[in-house]
Protein backbone atom coordinates (compact mmCIF):
# COMPACT_ATOMS: atom_id res chain seq x y z
CA UNK A 1 -31.72 19.89 1.08
CA UNK A 2 -31.09 17.93 -2.12
CA UNK A 3 -34.17 19.46 -3.71
CA UNK A 4 -32.75 22.94 -3.18
CA UNK A 5 -29.84 22.24 -5.56
CA UNK A 6 -30.06 23.62 -9.13
CA UNK A 7 -31.86 21.32 -11.57
CA UNK A 8 -28.86 21.23 -13.92
CA UNK A 9 -26.59 20.00 -11.13
CA UNK A 10 -29.03 17.25 -10.14
CA UNK A 11 -29.30 16.09 -13.76
CA UNK A 12 -25.51 15.88 -13.90
CA UNK A 13 -25.47 13.82 -10.71
CA UNK A 14 -28.14 11.59 -12.26
CA UNK A 15 -25.60 10.43 -14.85
CA UNK A 16 -23.42 9.13 -12.02
CA UNK A 17 -26.37 7.62 -10.17
CA UNK A 18 -27.56 5.90 -13.34
CA UNK A 19 -24.17 4.25 -13.79
CA UNK A 20 -24.20 3.11 -10.16
CA UNK A 21 -27.67 1.58 -10.52
CA UNK A 22 -26.76 -0.19 -13.75
CA UNK A 23 -23.37 -1.61 -12.78
CA UNK A 24 -22.32 -1.86 -9.10
CA UNK A 25 -25.92 -2.18 -7.83
CA UNK A 26 -27.14 -4.07 -10.92
CA UNK A 27 -30.67 -2.91 -10.14
CA UNK A 28 -33.09 -5.12 -12.11
CA UNK A 29 -30.72 -5.25 -15.04
CA UNK A 30 -31.81 -8.80 -15.89
CA UNK A 31 -35.46 -7.73 -16.05
CA UNK A 32 -34.56 -4.68 -18.14
CA UNK A 33 -32.53 -6.77 -20.62
CA UNK A 34 -35.35 -9.30 -20.92
CA UNK A 35 -37.92 -6.55 -21.54
CA UNK A 36 -35.78 -4.85 -24.18
CA UNK A 37 -35.24 -8.15 -25.99
CA UNK A 38 -38.97 -8.81 -26.07
CA UNK A 39 -39.80 -5.26 -27.17
CA UNK A 40 -37.02 -4.82 -29.74
CA UNK A 41 -36.00 -8.25 -31.08
CA UNK A 42 -35.07 -6.65 -34.40
CA UNK A 43 -32.29 -4.60 -32.79
CA UNK A 44 -28.76 -5.90 -32.33
CA UNK A 45 -27.38 -6.66 -28.83
CA UNK A 46 -25.20 -3.54 -29.15
CA UNK A 47 -28.24 -1.38 -29.94
CA UNK A 48 -30.18 -2.77 -26.99
CA UNK A 49 -27.18 -2.17 -24.71
CA UNK A 50 -27.16 1.50 -25.77
CA UNK A 51 -30.88 1.71 -24.97
CA UNK A 52 -30.21 0.19 -21.55
CA UNK A 53 -27.45 2.70 -20.78
CA UNK A 54 -29.70 5.59 -21.78
CA UNK A 55 -32.59 4.15 -19.80
CA UNK A 56 -30.65 3.99 -16.52
CA UNK A 57 -29.56 7.60 -16.94
CA UNK A 58 -33.19 8.52 -17.58
CA UNK A 59 -34.32 6.45 -14.57
CA UNK A 60 -31.90 8.25 -12.26
CA UNK A 61 -32.93 11.62 -13.71
CA UNK A 62 -36.57 10.91 -12.84
CA UNK A 63 -35.57 10.42 -9.22
CA UNK A 64 -33.46 13.58 -9.07
CA UNK A 65 -36.12 15.68 -10.81
CA UNK A 66 -38.81 14.38 -8.45
CA UNK A 67 -36.79 15.46 -5.39
CA UNK A 68 -36.15 18.86 -7.01
CA UNK A 69 -39.86 19.14 -7.89
CA UNK A 70 -40.92 18.51 -4.30
CA UNK A 71 -38.85 21.49 -3.13
CA UNK A 72 -39.97 23.90 -5.86
CA UNK A 73 -42.21 26.95 -5.74
CA UNK A 74 -44.49 28.00 -8.61
CA UNK A 75 -41.94 30.57 -9.74
CA UNK A 76 -39.11 28.04 -9.68
CA UNK A 77 -41.15 25.60 -11.78
CA UNK A 78 -41.86 28.28 -14.39
CA UNK A 79 -38.23 29.43 -14.52
CA UNK A 80 -36.96 25.89 -14.97
CA UNK A 81 -38.86 25.20 -18.24
CA UNK A 82 -38.86 21.57 -17.10
CA UNK A 83 -41.82 20.79 -19.37
CA UNK A 84 -43.73 22.32 -22.25
CA UNK A 85 -47.27 21.63 -23.48
CA UNK A 86 -47.05 21.68 -27.25
CA UNK A 87 -50.80 21.82 -27.98
CA UNK A 88 -52.60 23.36 -24.98
CA UNK A 89 -55.62 24.15 -27.15
CA UNK A 90 -56.46 20.41 -27.30
CA UNK A 91 -56.34 20.12 -23.52
CA UNK A 92 -58.39 23.29 -23.03
CA UNK A 93 -61.04 22.30 -25.57
CA UNK A 94 -61.54 18.87 -24.00
CA UNK A 95 -61.84 20.39 -20.53
CA UNK A 96 -64.34 23.02 -21.64
CA UNK A 97 -66.57 20.72 -23.69
CA UNK A 98 -66.66 17.45 -21.73
CA UNK A 99 -68.14 16.72 -18.27
CA UNK A 100 -64.59 15.79 -17.20
CA UNK A 101 -61.38 14.64 -18.87
CA UNK A 102 -59.50 11.39 -18.37
CA UNK A 103 -55.83 11.51 -19.33
CA UNK A 104 -54.43 8.08 -20.08
CA UNK A 105 -50.81 8.17 -19.01
CA UNK A 106 -48.10 5.68 -18.19
CA UNK A 107 -44.45 5.48 -17.13
CA UNK A 108 -42.95 7.68 -19.84
CA UNK A 109 -41.16 10.99 -19.34
CA UNK A 110 -41.22 11.92 -15.66
CA UNK A 111 -44.65 10.86 -14.45
CA UNK A 112 -43.93 12.27 -10.97
CA UNK A 113 -44.15 15.92 -12.04
CA UNK A 114 -47.66 15.91 -13.58
CA UNK A 115 -49.00 17.82 -10.57
CA UNK A 116 -47.13 20.88 -11.83
CA UNK A 117 -48.88 20.96 -15.21
CA UNK A 118 -50.38 24.40 -14.49
CA UNK A 119 -46.83 25.77 -14.45
CA UNK A 120 -45.48 24.09 -17.56
CA UNK A 121 -44.58 26.26 -20.55
CA UNK A 122 -47.63 26.91 -22.73
CA UNK A 123 -48.35 29.29 -25.58
CA UNK A 124 -51.83 30.03 -24.20
CA UNK A 125 -53.20 29.99 -20.62
CA UNK A 126 -54.75 26.75 -19.38
CA UNK A 127 -58.43 26.97 -18.46
CA UNK A 128 -58.26 24.80 -15.32
CA UNK A 129 -56.55 25.41 -11.99
CA UNK A 130 -54.69 23.29 -9.43
CA UNK A 131 -57.86 22.15 -7.71
CA UNK A 132 -59.41 20.82 -10.92
CA UNK A 133 -56.64 18.20 -11.20
CA UNK A 134 -56.94 14.71 -9.75
CA UNK A 135 -53.91 12.40 -9.83
CA UNK A 136 -54.57 8.74 -9.08
CA UNK A 137 -51.82 6.72 -7.42
CA UNK A 138 -51.15 3.31 -5.91
CA UNK A 139 -50.31 3.31 -2.22
CA UNK A 140 -46.74 2.34 -1.32
CA UNK A 141 -46.42 -0.28 1.44
CA UNK A 142 -43.76 1.74 3.27
CA UNK A 143 -45.79 4.42 5.09
CA UNK A 144 -42.91 6.90 5.37
CA UNK A 145 -42.08 6.67 1.67
CA UNK A 146 -45.77 6.91 0.81
CA UNK A 147 -46.02 10.20 2.73
CA UNK A 148 -42.82 11.54 1.15
CA UNK A 149 -44.14 10.80 -2.35
CA UNK A 150 -47.44 12.47 -1.48
CA UNK A 151 -45.61 15.62 -0.36
CA UNK A 152 -43.60 15.64 -3.60
CA UNK A 153 -46.55 15.04 -5.91
CA UNK A 154 -48.89 17.66 -4.45
CA UNK A 155 -46.22 20.27 -3.73
CA UNK A 156 -47.36 22.64 -6.56
CA UNK A 157 -50.84 23.07 -5.05
CA UNK A 158 -51.22 26.59 -3.68
CA UNK A 159 -52.70 25.15 -0.45
CA UNK A 160 -51.63 21.48 -0.21
CA UNK A 161 -53.49 20.98 3.09
CA UNK A 162 -56.87 21.43 1.38
CA UNK A 163 -56.00 19.74 -1.90
CA UNK A 164 -58.25 16.69 -2.42
CA UNK A 165 -57.07 15.71 -5.90
CA UNK A 166 -54.60 13.05 -4.79
CA UNK A 167 -56.57 9.82 -4.65
CA UNK A 168 -55.57 6.21 -4.07
CA UNK A 169 -56.67 3.90 -6.89
CA UNK A 170 -58.91 1.80 -4.65
CA UNK A 171 -61.03 4.86 -3.84
CA UNK A 172 -61.12 6.64 -7.16
CA UNK A 173 -64.54 5.37 -8.30
CA UNK A 174 -66.16 6.60 -5.09
CA UNK A 175 -64.36 9.94 -5.47
CA UNK A 176 -65.63 10.37 -9.06
CA UNK A 177 -69.18 9.55 -8.00
CA UNK A 178 -69.05 12.03 -5.10
CA UNK A 179 -67.65 14.76 -7.40
CA UNK A 180 -69.54 13.94 -10.59
CA UNK A 181 -71.01 17.44 -10.73
CA UNK A 182 -67.57 19.09 -10.66
CA UNK A 183 -65.49 19.17 -13.82
CA UNK A 184 -62.10 17.49 -13.22
CA UNK A 185 -58.95 16.60 -15.09
CA UNK A 186 -58.11 13.03 -14.05
CA UNK A 187 -54.74 11.41 -14.63
CA UNK A 188 -54.58 7.62 -14.33
CA UNK A 189 -51.88 5.20 -15.36
CA UNK A 190 -52.94 2.46 -17.74
CA UNK A 191 -50.34 -0.20 -17.28
CA UNK A 192 -49.54 -3.85 -17.74
CA UNK A 193 -49.93 -6.31 -14.88
CA UNK A 194 -53.23 -5.25 -13.22
CA UNK A 195 -53.20 -5.03 -9.44
CA UNK A 196 -53.76 -8.41 -7.76
CA UNK A 197 -57.23 -7.37 -6.55
CA UNK A 198 -58.32 -5.94 -9.90
CA UNK A 199 -61.56 -7.51 -11.11
CA UNK A 200 -61.47 -6.05 -14.59
CA UNK A 201 -58.58 -6.35 -17.01
CA UNK A 202 -57.99 -6.96 -20.68
CA UNK A 203 -55.54 -9.02 -22.69
CA UNK A 204 -53.77 -6.75 -25.17
CA UNK A 205 -50.98 -6.90 -27.71
CA UNK A 206 -48.06 -4.78 -26.55
CA UNK A 207 -44.87 -4.54 -28.61
CA UNK A 208 -45.80 -7.77 -30.39
CA UNK A 209 -46.61 -9.84 -27.28
CA UNK A 210 -49.75 -10.48 -25.28
CA UNK A 211 -50.15 -9.27 -21.70
CA UNK A 212 -52.83 -8.26 -19.24
CA UNK A 213 -53.67 -4.58 -18.95
CA UNK A 214 -55.50 -2.33 -16.54
CA UNK A 215 -58.82 -1.00 -17.84
CA UNK A 216 -60.05 1.06 -14.87
CA UNK A 217 -59.31 4.48 -16.38
CA UNK A 218 -61.16 3.71 -19.62
CA UNK A 219 -64.03 2.08 -17.73
CA UNK A 220 -64.54 5.05 -15.39
CA UNK A 221 -64.33 7.50 -18.29
CA UNK A 222 -66.98 5.51 -20.20
CA UNK A 223 -69.29 5.36 -17.17
CA UNK A 224 -69.23 9.15 -16.76
CA UNK A 225 -69.04 10.17 -20.47
CA UNK A 226 -65.63 11.79 -20.08
CA UNK A 227 -63.36 12.84 -22.91
CA UNK A 228 -60.22 10.69 -23.12
CA UNK A 229 -56.82 12.08 -24.09
CA UNK A 230 -53.59 10.20 -24.60
CA UNK A 231 -50.58 11.92 -23.08
CA UNK A 232 -47.40 11.79 -25.16
CA UNK A 233 -44.35 12.71 -23.06
CA UNK A 234 -41.13 12.97 -25.04
CA UNK A 235 -37.75 13.65 -23.49
CA UNK A 236 -35.68 16.53 -24.82
CA UNK A 237 -31.96 16.02 -25.35
CA UNK A 238 -31.12 19.19 -23.47
CA UNK A 239 -33.30 18.04 -20.56
CA UNK A 240 -36.98 18.40 -19.82
CA UNK A 241 -40.10 17.11 -21.55
CA UNK A 242 -42.63 17.93 -24.24
CA UNK A 243 -46.25 17.05 -23.44
CA UNK A 244 -48.54 16.55 -26.42
CA UNK A 245 -52.20 15.53 -26.13
CA UNK A 246 -54.08 13.36 -28.60
CA UNK A 247 -57.83 12.80 -28.49
CA UNK A 248 -58.85 9.16 -28.25
CA UNK A 249 -62.55 10.00 -27.93
CA UNK A 250 -64.63 13.04 -27.00
CA UNK A 251 -67.24 10.91 -25.22
CA UNK A 252 -65.95 7.63 -23.82
CA UNK A 253 -69.48 6.27 -23.35
CA UNK A 254 -69.73 5.99 -27.15
CA UNK A 255 -66.55 3.92 -27.59
CA UNK A 256 -66.04 0.34 -26.32
CA UNK A 257 -63.57 0.13 -23.42
CA UNK A 258 -61.63 -2.57 -25.25
CA UNK A 259 -61.19 -0.28 -28.25
CA UNK A 260 -60.03 2.59 -26.02
CA UNK A 261 -57.40 0.41 -24.35
CA UNK A 262 -56.18 -1.00 -27.67
CA UNK A 263 -55.82 2.52 -29.06
CA UNK A 264 -53.83 3.51 -25.98
CA UNK A 265 -51.33 0.71 -26.64
CA UNK A 266 -51.03 1.63 -30.31
CA UNK A 267 -50.04 5.16 -29.31
CA UNK A 268 -47.70 3.95 -26.56
CA UNK A 269 -45.89 1.63 -28.99
CA UNK A 270 -45.36 4.54 -31.35
CA UNK A 271 -43.79 6.56 -28.53
CA UNK A 272 -41.48 3.72 -27.48
CA UNK A 273 -40.27 3.15 -31.03
CA UNK A 274 -39.51 6.86 -31.25
CA UNK A 275 -37.69 6.93 -27.86
CA UNK A 276 -36.94 3.36 -26.73
CA UNK A 277 -35.26 4.40 -23.47
CA UNK A 278 -38.23 6.49 -22.35
CA UNK A 279 -40.14 3.91 -20.30
CA UNK A 280 -39.95 2.12 -16.96
CA UNK A 281 -38.25 -1.04 -18.21
CA UNK A 282 -37.33 -2.35 -14.74
CA UNK A 283 -40.79 -3.90 -14.24
CA UNK A 284 -41.98 -7.13 -15.86
CA UNK A 285 -44.29 -6.03 -18.65
CA UNK A 286 -45.57 -9.26 -20.18
CA UNK A 287 -47.49 -11.24 -17.60
CA UNK A 288 -50.53 -13.35 -18.34
CA UNK A 289 -50.90 -14.67 -14.78
């Protein structure tokens, strides 16, 4: 029912929800303040407070947009102009020339709507379809919520019941091996704090501090000679997002995994300095244990 409301109305309600999360609920405000201090020590307390206010509005907007997204048809997605791909030719070229493409993404923009990429604004048609996309996720402990998020994330697929491109992170390597002869567009988060069972991780410098980072996406791409693209997602003041793709390497097997991951963090830092609010600051980002 909520998803059937107009997108503009839900974004307006997100302003109220953001204030509620920040003040009466005080949802992870201490963690957010600590993260912002570590990331932007050069900014004044007043500047960091403004970033925090803007972040909570953004955080609430992500939730409202995700609910709206889960109730949207292809036509509704196109009419909304919720996102625009600024350089589709880069995405198309990588998909056409490489065995598969690995998109290194993270918690910027609204990461929950990537499944609708075929229906984002684009100056030229995209050369892949819904069933060429594979989004990798981490299972949520609450089974009901996990199923709800699955329904939301795969809602753009023309036939969700036969869509196999929604894969849990623990099974993604097996999935890639089983589908190595089919060209795919993979989207995997590269994030700080590797999962507790992760065997491979890397210590990186992120916003001037060391932390552990996931390396699975880069490692899988290298193993299967995929092209690797970094996904810039910038928020627009009027609402919505601009997606811009930057090539990290055309063949990941020819670039050390460590170098790929370091390049990812260089690009991510640039995005966060451009739009400091545009990140999931409620999670602890600098953990070495």
